[in-house]
Amino acid sequence: MKMINKVHRSKALLLLLAALLICTPPLLAQDKEGGLIKLNIPKAISMAFEASEDLKMSENAVLRKRSQKKEELADGLPHISGQAGWSDSFEYPDIASTAAMKEYYANAGVTLSQTLFTFGRISNAVSAANRAVEASRFNKESTKQDIIYNTKLSYFNTLLAKRILEIAQESYKNAKENKKILEDRSAQGRVSKYDNIKISSDISSRLPVVNNARANFISTLETLKMVIGAATGDAVELVDGFSQEFPAFDREKLAVALRDNQPAIKALVATIKEKEKLVSSKKAALFPEISAFGTWSHQGYGDSSYVGSNNMNDYGVAGLKIDIPLWMGGEDQEKLSQARIDRRDAELQYAKGQKDYLLQLDKTISEYQEYLKTLEANKEALRLAEESFKYSQELFSSGQISVTDLNDAELQLTNAKISEERTLFNLSMSLARIERLTLMENAHE
């Protein structure tokens, strides 16, 4: 009976191992293939935030500025230091001036110092650090807006490549339908050898176009996956299409929004204020500094000098100190001059930034308006191209036009489709740039 049970257990173990061997390859294959990501633009932006090293570095920049602010603030707080020492004067001359000298010396003590008045050196430095923190926050927001724009750019590039691939495949399908029409004609009567060769050539010429479009789509898709931090094996399905609503914009309203909302401009304003405070702080370094101090020490001489012994005595000193910078070789004056130059540079950067951003806005609005006109022309051209191609197929089936004429009509239709998609891409990116500049998702309202 025991032998039979062992046989049954062995068979069960073998069946379990076989099941594991059978099931493991599909599981491994599934892990390799990755999952399916149904990607719309908000999800793409959220994933891009998580994957962006630039955003993490901008967050570190904010933390660094906060730490520098605390560093400046520490200069105005009490400073406490302790010291302890022991020395052995193992060699000294036996002369009158050293007659009272002891061989051993020990001391321990605490020193307290507190800056009382600096004519604004510390307070202005702290205020400057506050402005630097503010500027770093605006720079972080600007980085986020760059990520949003670049994610949309990558998304719409991938969508355009996908649409061009689909159009190329439709063109290849149309060419094959044209060949079928020719075959139907040949069943009804004689068709020239040239037409057969020409239509076969048309079909073959479309295959490289399809392959190139597919390669471009794969390339843009991989770039998008890198932007959003998706794994290489993940499949991505684009959910959102190109923008379909194209409002009219008020240029003056957008200019005001640019001035009030643009984080890069706000960062420049904060930088100017930071530099102004630094100028005041450097100027204050030319004036006296008043501080208070206090010292307590426990010290003694002799072989038995140690903490707690009778040879150790307490000493205490307290007072006020005024440091007057009479002549430092011109160092403080040069630091003040450099701070003033930095302030002028910040003001110039602000003026330049305002002009550059306003120019970008004006150019984007002009391009947007022209793209709207182009879209209307695209739609009309596409409507006419579709009618022309269908009519050409009817004429070709009855032998009234040549293969070349039919091919020209089909290429005209394909080009009209691609032109419309490119215009939709340009319009979508124009809207994204306007949102990037003004931070108004519904800038037309």
Protein backbone atom coordinates (compact mmCIF):
# COMPACT_ATOMS: atom_id res chain seq x y z
CA MET A 1 0.00 0.00 0.00
CA LYS A 2 2.86 2.39 0.86
CA MET A 3 4.47 1.62 -2.51
CA ILE A 4 1.20 2.47 -4.31
CA ASN A 5 0.91 5.78 -2.44
CA LYS A 6 4.49 6.68 -3.39
CA VAL A 7 3.73 5.94 -7.04
CA HIS A 8 0.61 8.15 -6.92
CA ARG A 9 2.57 10.96 -5.28
CA SER A 10 5.30 10.66 -7.90
CA LYS A 11 2.75 10.82 -10.71
CA ALA A 12 1.10 13.87 -9.13
CA LEU A 13 4.48 15.58 -8.80
CA LEU A 14 5.31 14.87 -12.45
CA LEU A 15 1.94 16.23 -13.57
CA LEU A 16 2.51 19.39 -11.51
CA LEU A 17 5.98 19.91 -13.02
CA ALA A 18 4.59 19.35 -16.50
CA ALA A 19 1.86 21.90 -15.87
CA LEU A 20 4.43 24.43 -14.67
CA LEU A 21 6.59 23.84 -17.72
CA ILE A 22 3.60 24.26 -20.02
CA CYS A 23 2.28 27.40 -18.32
CA THR A 24 5.57 29.21 -17.75
CA PRO A 25 6.40 30.19 -21.39
CA PRO A 26 3.12 32.07 -21.95
CA LEU A 27 3.60 33.91 -18.67
CA LEU A 28 7.11 34.92 -19.64
CA ALA A 29 5.92 35.97 -23.05
CA GLN A 30 3.18 38.05 -21.49
CA ASP A 31 5.69 39.88 -19.28
CA LYS A 32 7.92 40.54 -22.27
CA GLU A 33 5.13 41.88 -24.39
CA GLY A 34 4.06 44.32 -21.70
CA GLY A 35 0.63 45.85 -21.20
CA LEU A 36 -1.68 48.06 -23.22
CA ILE A 37 -1.75 51.75 -22.39
CA LYS A 38 -4.83 53.61 -23.59
CA LEU A 39 -3.29 57.04 -23.78
CA ASN A 40 -5.08 60.36 -23.87
CA ILE A 41 -3.34 63.71 -23.49
CA PRO A 42 -4.03 64.26 -19.73
CA LYS A 43 -2.72 60.77 -18.94
CA ALA A 44 0.32 61.33 -21.14
CA ILE A 45 1.09 64.57 -19.28
CA SER A 46 0.68 62.89 -15.89
CA MET A 47 3.03 60.06 -16.89
CA ALA A 48 5.52 62.56 -18.33
CA PHE A 49 5.60 64.39 -14.99
CA GLU A 50 6.46 61.15 -13.23
CA ALA A 51 9.19 60.29 -15.74
CA SER A 52 10.80 63.73 -16.11
CA GLU A 53 14.27 64.23 -14.66
CA ASP A 54 14.01 67.97 -15.42
CA LEU A 55 11.01 68.31 -13.11
CA LYS A 56 12.81 66.45 -10.33
CA MET A 57 15.84 68.72 -10.74
CA SER A 58 13.61 71.82 -10.59
CA GLU A 59 12.15 70.48 -7.34
CA ASN A 60 15.69 70.04 -6.03
CA ALA A 61 16.44 73.64 -7.04
CA VAL A 62 13.54 74.83 -4.85
CA LEU A 63 14.85 72.78 -1.92
CA ARG A 64 18.35 74.17 -2.48
CA LYS A 65 17.08 77.77 -2.40
CA ARG A 66 15.15 77.07 0.79
CA SER A 67 18.31 75.68 2.36
CA GLN A 68 20.26 78.78 1.28
CA LYS A 69 17.57 80.95 2.87
CA LYS A 70 18.03 79.11 6.19
CA GLU A 71 21.77 79.57 5.81
CA GLU A 72 21.34 83.34 5.50
CA LEU A 73 18.87 83.37 8.40
CA ALA A 74 21.36 81.53 10.63
CA ASP A 75 23.70 84.53 10.47
CA GLY A 76 21.26 86.51 12.60
CA LEU A 77 20.70 83.81 15.22
CA PRO A 78 22.82 83.18 18.36
CA HIS A 79 26.06 81.31 17.76
CA ILE A 80 27.25 78.99 20.55
CA SER A 81 30.57 77.21 20.49
CA GLY A 82 32.42 75.09 23.02
CA GLN A 83 36.11 74.43 23.42
CA ALA A 84 38.35 72.26 25.56
CA GLY A 85 42.10 71.82 25.67
CA TRP A 86 45.00 70.31 27.55
CA SER A 87 48.67 71.15 27.09
CA ASP A 88 52.01 69.97 28.43
CA SER A 89 54.81 72.56 28.45
CA PHE A 90 57.52 69.95 28.45
CA GLU A 91 60.32 72.36 27.54
CA TYR A 92 60.85 76.02 28.52
CA PRO A 93 63.81 78.01 29.81
CA ASP A 94 64.41 78.49 33.51
CA ILE A 95 64.35 82.25 33.53
CA ALA A 96 62.57 84.95 35.55
CA SER A 97 59.74 85.41 33.04
CA THR A 98 58.79 81.71 33.27
CA ALA A 99 59.21 81.34 37.01
CA ALA A 100 55.44 81.10 37.60
CA MET A 101 54.77 78.89 34.60
CA LYS A 102 53.23 75.47 35.21
CA GLU A 103 54.01 72.43 33.13
CA TYR A 104 50.40 71.41 32.58
CA TYR A 105 47.39 73.51 31.58
CA ALA A 106 43.73 72.49 31.05
CA ASN A 107 40.70 74.50 30.04
CA ALA A 108 37.06 74.06 28.97
CA GLY A 109 34.49 76.71 28.11
CA VAL A 110 31.52 78.00 26.13
CA THR A 111 31.27 81.13 23.96
CA LEU A 112 28.01 82.84 22.97
CA SER A 113 27.74 85.56 20.33
CA GLN A 114 24.67 87.38 19.00
CA THR A 115 24.61 89.88 16.16
CA LEU A 116 22.50 92.87 17.19
CA PHE A 117 22.60 95.38 14.34
CA THR A 118 24.10 95.21 10.84
CA PHE A 119 22.37 98.13 9.04
CA GLY A 120 20.30 95.62 7.02
CA ARG A 121 23.06 93.27 5.87
CA ILE A 122 21.40 90.15 7.30
CA SER A 123 17.75 91.18 6.83
CA ASN A 124 18.30 92.10 3.18
CA ALA A 125 20.21 88.87 2.56
CA VAL A 126 17.28 86.89 4.00
CA SER A 127 14.81 88.88 1.88
CA ALA A 128 16.93 88.18 -1.19
CA ALA A 129 16.90 84.47 -0.33
CA ASN A 130 13.10 84.62 -0.05
CA ARG A 131 12.90 86.09 -3.55
CA ALA A 132 15.28 83.41 -4.82
CA VAL A 133 12.95 80.72 -3.42
CA GLU A 134 10.03 82.44 -5.14
CA ALA A 135 11.93 82.55 -8.45
CA SER A 136 12.81 78.86 -8.16
CA ARG A 137 9.13 78.00 -7.68
CA PHE A 138 8.23 79.92 -10.83
CA ASN A 139 11.06 78.17 -12.68
CA LYS A 140 9.65 74.85 -11.52
CA GLU A 141 6.21 75.84 -12.87
CA SER A 142 7.85 76.89 -16.14
CA THR A 143 9.52 73.47 -16.35
CA LYS A 144 6.12 71.82 -15.86
CA GLN A 145 4.67 73.90 -18.68
CA ASP A 146 7.57 72.89 -20.94
CA ILE A 147 6.87 69.24 -20.14
CA ILE A 148 3.17 69.69 -20.96
CA TYR A 149 4.00 71.32 -24.30
CA ASN A 150 6.68 68.80 -25.25
CA THR A 151 4.36 65.91 -24.32
CA LYS A 152 1.64 67.32 -26.56
CA LEU A 153 4.20 67.79 -29.33
CA SER A 154 5.32 64.17 -29.06
CA TYR A 155 1.70 62.94 -28.82
CA PHE A 156 0.55 64.90 -31.88
CA ASN A 157 3.68 63.92 -33.84
CA THR A 158 2.84 60.28 -33.18
CA LEU A 159 -0.80 60.84 -34.09
CA LEU A 160 0.20 62.53 -37.36
CA ALA A 161 2.56 59.67 -38.22
CA LYS A 162 -0.24 57.19 -37.47
CA ARG A 163 -2.70 59.05 -39.71
CA ILE A 164 -0.16 59.28 -42.56
CA LEU A 165 0.42 55.53 -42.26
CA GLU A 166 -3.33 54.90 -42.45
CA ILE A 167 -3.61 57.18 -45.49
CA ALA A 168 -0.70 55.39 -47.17
CA GLN A 169 -2.42 52.05 -46.52
CA GLU A 170 -5.66 53.45 -47.96
CA SER A 171 -3.74 54.58 -51.04
CA TYR A 172 -2.32 51.09 -51.46
CA LYS A 173 -5.83 49.66 -51.08
CA ASN A 174 -7.15 52.09 -53.73
CA ALA A 175 -4.42 51.03 -56.12
CA LYS A 176 -5.44 47.40 -55.69
CA GLU A 177 -9.09 48.32 -56.31
CA ASN A 178 -7.99 50.05 -59.53
CA LYS A 179 -6.31 46.85 -60.61
CA LYS A 180 -9.51 44.93 -59.95
CA ILE A 181 -11.41 47.41 -62.15
CA LEU A 182 -8.85 46.78 -64.89
CA GLU A 183 -9.26 43.03 -64.46
CA ASP A 184 -13.04 43.42 -64.82
CA ARG A 185 -12.46 45.39 -68.02
CA SER A 186 -10.14 42.73 -69.39
CA ALA A 187 -12.89 40.14 -68.84
CA GLN A 188 -15.10 42.20 -71.15
CA GLY A 189 -12.50 42.78 -73.84
CA ARG A 190 -8.86 43.33 -74.64
CA VAL A 191 -6.76 45.57 -72.34
CA SER A 192 -3.35 46.90 -73.39
CA LYS A 193 -0.24 45.32 -71.93
CA TYR A 194 0.93 48.81 -70.97
CA ASP A 195 -2.08 49.32 -68.71
CA ASN A 196 -1.42 46.03 -66.90
CA ILE A 197 2.24 46.90 -66.38
CA LYS A 198 1.48 50.48 -65.37
CA ILE A 199 -1.14 49.58 -62.77
CA SER A 200 1.08 46.85 -61.31
CA SER A 201 3.87 49.42 -61.11
CA ASP A 202 1.54 51.82 -59.30
CA ILE A 203 0.76 49.18 -56.71
CA SER A 204 4.43 48.34 -56.19
CA SER A 205 5.39 52.01 -55.87
CA ARG A 206 3.02 52.43 -52.94
CA LEU A 207 4.59 49.66 -50.83
CA PRO A 208 7.79 51.65 -50.01
CA VAL A 209 5.60 54.61 -49.04
CA VAL A 210 3.63 52.40 -46.64
CA ASN A 211 6.83 50.93 -45.19
CA ASN A 212 8.43 54.34 -44.72
CA ALA A 213 5.26 55.66 -43.06
CA ARG A 214 5.23 52.63 -40.75
CA ALA A 215 8.89 53.18 -39.83
CA ASN A 216 8.20 56.84 -39.06
CA PHE A 217 5.21 55.90 -36.91
CA ILE A 218 7.25 53.35 -34.95
CA SER A 219 10.00 55.95 -34.42
CA THR A 220 7.63 58.65 -33.14
CA LEU A 221 5.81 56.12 -30.97
CA GLU A 222 9.05 55.05 -29.31
CA THR A 223 9.87 58.70 -28.66
CA LEU A 224 6.44 59.21 -27.07
CA LYS A 225 6.95 56.12 -24.88
CA MET A 226 10.28 57.51 -23.70
CA VAL A 227 8.65 60.88 -22.87
CA ILE A 228 5.92 59.26 -20.75
CA GLY A 229 8.25 56.68 -19.21
CA ALA A 230 6.49 53.63 -20.69
CA ALA A 231 8.32 50.32 -20.96
CA THR A 232 9.68 49.23 -24.33
CA GLY A 233 7.29 46.30 -24.54
CA ASP A 234 4.18 48.34 -23.72
CA ALA A 235 1.62 48.82 -26.45
CA VAL A 236 0.21 52.34 -26.71
CA GLU A 237 -3.21 53.19 -28.10
CA LEU A 238 -3.80 56.87 -28.85
CA VAL A 239 -7.26 57.84 -27.63
CA ASP A 240 -7.39 61.59 -28.31
CA GLY A 241 -7.35 62.98 -31.81
CA PHE A 242 -6.38 66.39 -33.12
CA SER A 243 -8.18 69.45 -31.81
CA GLN A 244 -11.47 70.02 -33.59
CA GLU A 245 -12.58 73.29 -31.96
CA PHE A 246 -10.78 76.39 -33.18
CA PRO A 247 -11.94 79.54 -31.39
CA ALA A 248 -11.13 83.14 -32.23
CA PHE A 249 -8.63 84.80 -29.89
CA ASP A 250 -8.41 88.31 -28.50
CA ARG A 251 -4.78 89.33 -28.89
CA GLU A 252 -4.90 91.99 -26.16
CA LYS A 253 -6.48 89.59 -23.70
CA LEU A 254 -3.79 87.02 -24.45
CA ALA A 255 -1.05 89.64 -24.00
CA VAL A 256 -2.40 90.51 -20.54
CA ALA A 257 -2.59 86.80 -19.65
CA LEU A 258 0.98 86.35 -20.84
CA ARG A 259 2.17 89.17 -18.60
CA ASP A 260 0.16 88.02 -15.57
CA ASN A 261 0.43 84.22 -15.86
CA GLN A 262 3.71 83.33 -17.56
CA PRO A 263 5.89 81.72 -14.83
CA ALA A 264 9.14 82.44 -16.68
CA ILE A 265 8.36 86.18 -16.62
CA LYS A 266 7.32 85.97 -12.95
CA ALA A 267 10.64 84.28 -12.20
CA LEU A 268 12.48 87.19 -13.88
CA VAL A 269 10.53 89.70 -11.76
CA ALA A 270 11.39 87.77 -8.59
CA THR A 271 15.05 87.68 -9.68
CA ILE A 272 15.11 91.47 -10.06
CA LYS A 273 13.77 91.86 -6.51
CA GLU A 274 16.35 89.34 -5.28
CA LYS A 275 19.18 91.33 -6.87
CA GLU A 276 17.85 94.59 -5.39
CA LYS A 277 17.93 93.09 -1.92
CA LEU A 278 21.44 91.78 -2.50
CA VAL A 279 22.57 95.29 -3.47
CA SER A 280 21.18 96.59 -0.16
CA SER A 281 22.89 93.76 1.72
CA LYS A 282 26.28 94.45 0.08
CA LYS A 283 25.88 98.16 0.77
CA ALA A 284 25.25 97.44 4.45
CA ALA A 285 28.56 95.57 4.63
CA LEU A 286 30.28 98.98 4.36
CA PHE A 287 28.82 100.05 7.73
CA PRO A 288 29.71 98.98 11.32
CA GLU A 289 28.32 95.81 12.87
CA ILE A 290 27.25 95.61 16.49
CA SER A 291 27.16 92.30 18.37
CA ALA A 292 27.05 90.98 21.92
CA PHE A 293 29.22 88.20 23.29
CA GLY A 294 29.67 86.16 26.43
CA THR A 295 32.35 83.64 27.42
CA TRP A 296 32.58 81.21 30.33
CA SER A 297 35.65 79.05 30.87
CA HIS A 298 36.89 76.56 33.44
CA GLN A 299 40.70 76.42 33.51
CA GLY A 300 43.68 75.69 35.70
CA TYR A 301 47.41 74.94 35.85
CA GLY A 302 49.36 72.12 37.37
CA ASP A 303 49.64 68.34 37.42
CA SER A 304 46.17 67.91 38.91
CA SER A 305 44.31 70.18 36.49
CA TYR A 306 41.17 68.46 35.31
CA VAL A 307 37.44 69.19 35.36
CA GLY A 308 36.23 69.08 38.96
CA SER A 309 39.64 69.48 40.60
CA ASN A 310 40.51 72.26 43.05
CA ASN A 311 43.09 73.62 40.61
CA MET A 312 40.34 74.57 38.08
CA ASN A 313 38.67 77.99 38.34
CA ASP A 314 35.74 79.65 36.58
CA TYR A 315 36.12 82.76 34.44
CA GLY A 316 33.32 84.74 32.76
CA VAL A 317 33.35 87.66 30.32
CA ALA A 318 30.44 89.49 28.60
CA GLY A 319 30.26 92.63 26.51
CA LEU A 320 29.42 94.46 23.30
CA LYS A 321 31.57 94.59 20.21
CA ILE A 322 31.53 97.02 17.29
CA ASP A 323 33.30 96.01 14.09
CA ILE A 324 34.08 99.01 11.87
CA PRO A 325 35.35 98.20 8.34
CA LEU A 326 37.83 101.08 7.90
CA TRP A 327 39.73 99.67 4.94
CA MET A 328 39.39 96.20 3.46
CA GLY A 329 41.37 96.76 0.31
CA GLY A 330 38.26 97.69 -1.66
CA GLU A 331 36.78 94.19 -1.45
CA ASP A 332 33.35 95.25 -0.14
CA GLN A 333 33.06 98.07 -2.70
CA GLU A 334 33.75 95.65 -5.54
CA LYS A 335 31.17 93.19 -4.23
CA LEU A 336 28.65 96.05 -4.20
CA SER A 337 29.56 96.97 -7.78
CA GLN A 338 29.12 93.37 -8.89
CA ALA A 339 25.72 93.18 -7.17
CA ARG A 340 24.60 96.31 -9.04
CA ILE A 341 25.72 94.80 -12.34
CA ASP A 342 23.77 91.63 -11.53
CA ARG A 343 20.68 93.76 -10.86
CA ARG A 344 21.03 95.56 -14.21
CA ASP A 345 21.45 92.20 -15.97
CA ALA A 346 18.28 90.91 -14.30
CA GLU A 347 16.38 93.98 -15.50
CA LEU A 348 17.69 93.48 -19.04
CA GLN A 349 16.73 89.79 -18.94
CA TYR A 350 13.22 90.78 -17.89
CA ALA A 351 12.88 93.33 -20.72
CA LYS A 352 14.26 90.83 -23.24
CA GLY A 353 12.02 88.04 -21.92
CA GLN A 354 8.91 90.17 -22.23
CA LYS A 355 9.72 91.06 -25.85
CA ASP A 356 10.61 87.48 -26.78
CA TYR A 357 7.48 85.97 -25.27
CA LEU A 358 5.24 88.64 -26.79
CA LEU A 359 6.84 88.02 -30.19
CA GLN A 360 6.22 84.28 -29.81
CA LEU A 361 2.59 84.99 -28.96
CA ASP A 362 2.07 87.30 -31.96
CA LYS A 363 3.70 84.82 -34.33
CA THR A 364 1.62 81.94 -32.97
CA ILE A 365 -1.63 83.90 -33.29
CA SER A 366 -0.77 84.87 -36.90
CA GLU A 367 0.13 81.29 -37.79
CA TYR A 368 -3.04 80.03 -36.13
CA GLN A 369 -5.21 82.36 -38.17
CA GLU A 370 -3.48 81.33 -41.41
CA TYR A 371 -3.82 77.64 -40.55
CA LEU A 372 -7.57 78.18 -40.08
CA LYS A 373 -7.77 79.50 -43.63
CA THR A 374 -5.66 76.60 -44.84
CA LEU A 375 -7.96 74.11 -43.11
CA GLU A 376 -10.98 75.48 -44.98
CA ALA A 377 -9.07 75.14 -48.25
CA ASN A 378 -7.99 71.60 -47.25
CA LYS A 379 -11.55 70.51 -46.62
CA GLU A 380 -12.72 71.84 -49.98
CA ALA A 381 -9.76 70.29 -51.78
CA LEU A 382 -10.42 66.95 -50.06
CA ARG A 383 -14.11 67.03 -51.02
CA LEU A 384 -13.28 67.71 -54.65
CA ALA A 385 -10.49 65.10 -54.68
CA GLU A 386 -12.85 62.43 -53.35
CA GLU A 387 -15.46 63.27 -56.00
CA SER A 388 -12.80 63.34 -58.71
CA PHE A 389 -11.38 59.96 -57.71
CA LYS A 390 -14.78 58.24 -57.59
CA TYR A 391 -15.72 59.73 -60.96
CA SER A 392 -12.34 58.72 -62.39
CA GLN A 393 -12.92 55.13 -61.30
CA GLU A 394 -16.27 55.14 -63.13
CA LEU A 395 -14.69 56.57 -66.27
CA PHE A 396 -11.80 54.12 -66.07
CA SER A 397 -14.14 51.15 -65.74
CA SER A 398 -15.71 52.14 -69.08
CA GLY A 399 -12.35 52.84 -70.68
CA GLN A 400 -12.85 56.60 -71.06
CA ILE A 401 -9.64 57.60 -69.23
CA SER A 402 -6.18 56.06 -68.93
CA VAL A 403 -4.46 54.40 -65.99
CA THR A 404 -2.29 57.50 -65.65
CA ASP A 405 -5.35 59.72 -65.26
CA LEU A 406 -6.79 57.41 -62.63
CA ASN A 407 -3.47 57.27 -60.79
CA ASP A 408 -3.23 61.06 -60.80
CA ALA A 409 -6.71 61.33 -59.29
CA GLU A 410 -5.82 58.84 -56.54
CA LEU A 411 -2.55 60.62 -55.70
CA GLN A 412 -4.42 63.92 -55.58
CA LEU A 413 -6.83 62.39 -53.06
CA THR A 414 -3.97 60.99 -50.96
CA ASN A 415 -2.13 64.32 -50.91
CA ALA A 416 -5.34 66.15 -49.95
CA LYS A 417 -5.82 63.81 -46.97
CA ILE A 418 -2.22 64.26 -45.82
CA SER A 419 -2.42 68.04 -46.21
CA GLU A 420 -5.52 68.19 -44.03
CA GLU A 421 -3.89 66.07 -41.32
CA ARG A 422 -0.78 68.27 -41.33
CA THR A 423 -2.93 71.37 -40.99
CA LEU A 424 -4.81 69.81 -38.07
CA PHE A 425 -1.44 69.02 -36.49
CA ASN A 426 -0.28 72.63 -36.95
CA LEU A 427 -3.51 73.99 -35.48
CA SER A 428 -3.29 71.66 -32.47
CA MET A 429 0.28 72.72 -31.79
CA SER A 430 -0.63 76.41 -32.19
CA LEU A 431 -3.29 75.98 -29.51
CA ALA A 432 -0.73 74.19 -27.32
CA ARG A 433 1.74 77.07 -27.74
CA ILE A 434 -0.90 79.66 -26.85
CA GLU A 435 -1.75 77.67 -23.71
CA ARG A 436 1.95 77.37 -22.92
CA LEU A 437 2.50 81.12 -23.23
CA THR A 438 -0.62 82.35 -21.45
CA LEU A 439 -1.45 79.40 -19.16
CA MET A 440 -5.08 79.76 -20.28
CA GLU A 441 -6.64 76.45 -21.31
CA ASN A 442 -9.69 78.31 -22.62
CA ALA A 443 -7.96 81.51 -23.71
CA HIS A 444 -10.85 82.50 -25.98
CA GLU A 445 -13.44 82.68 -23.19
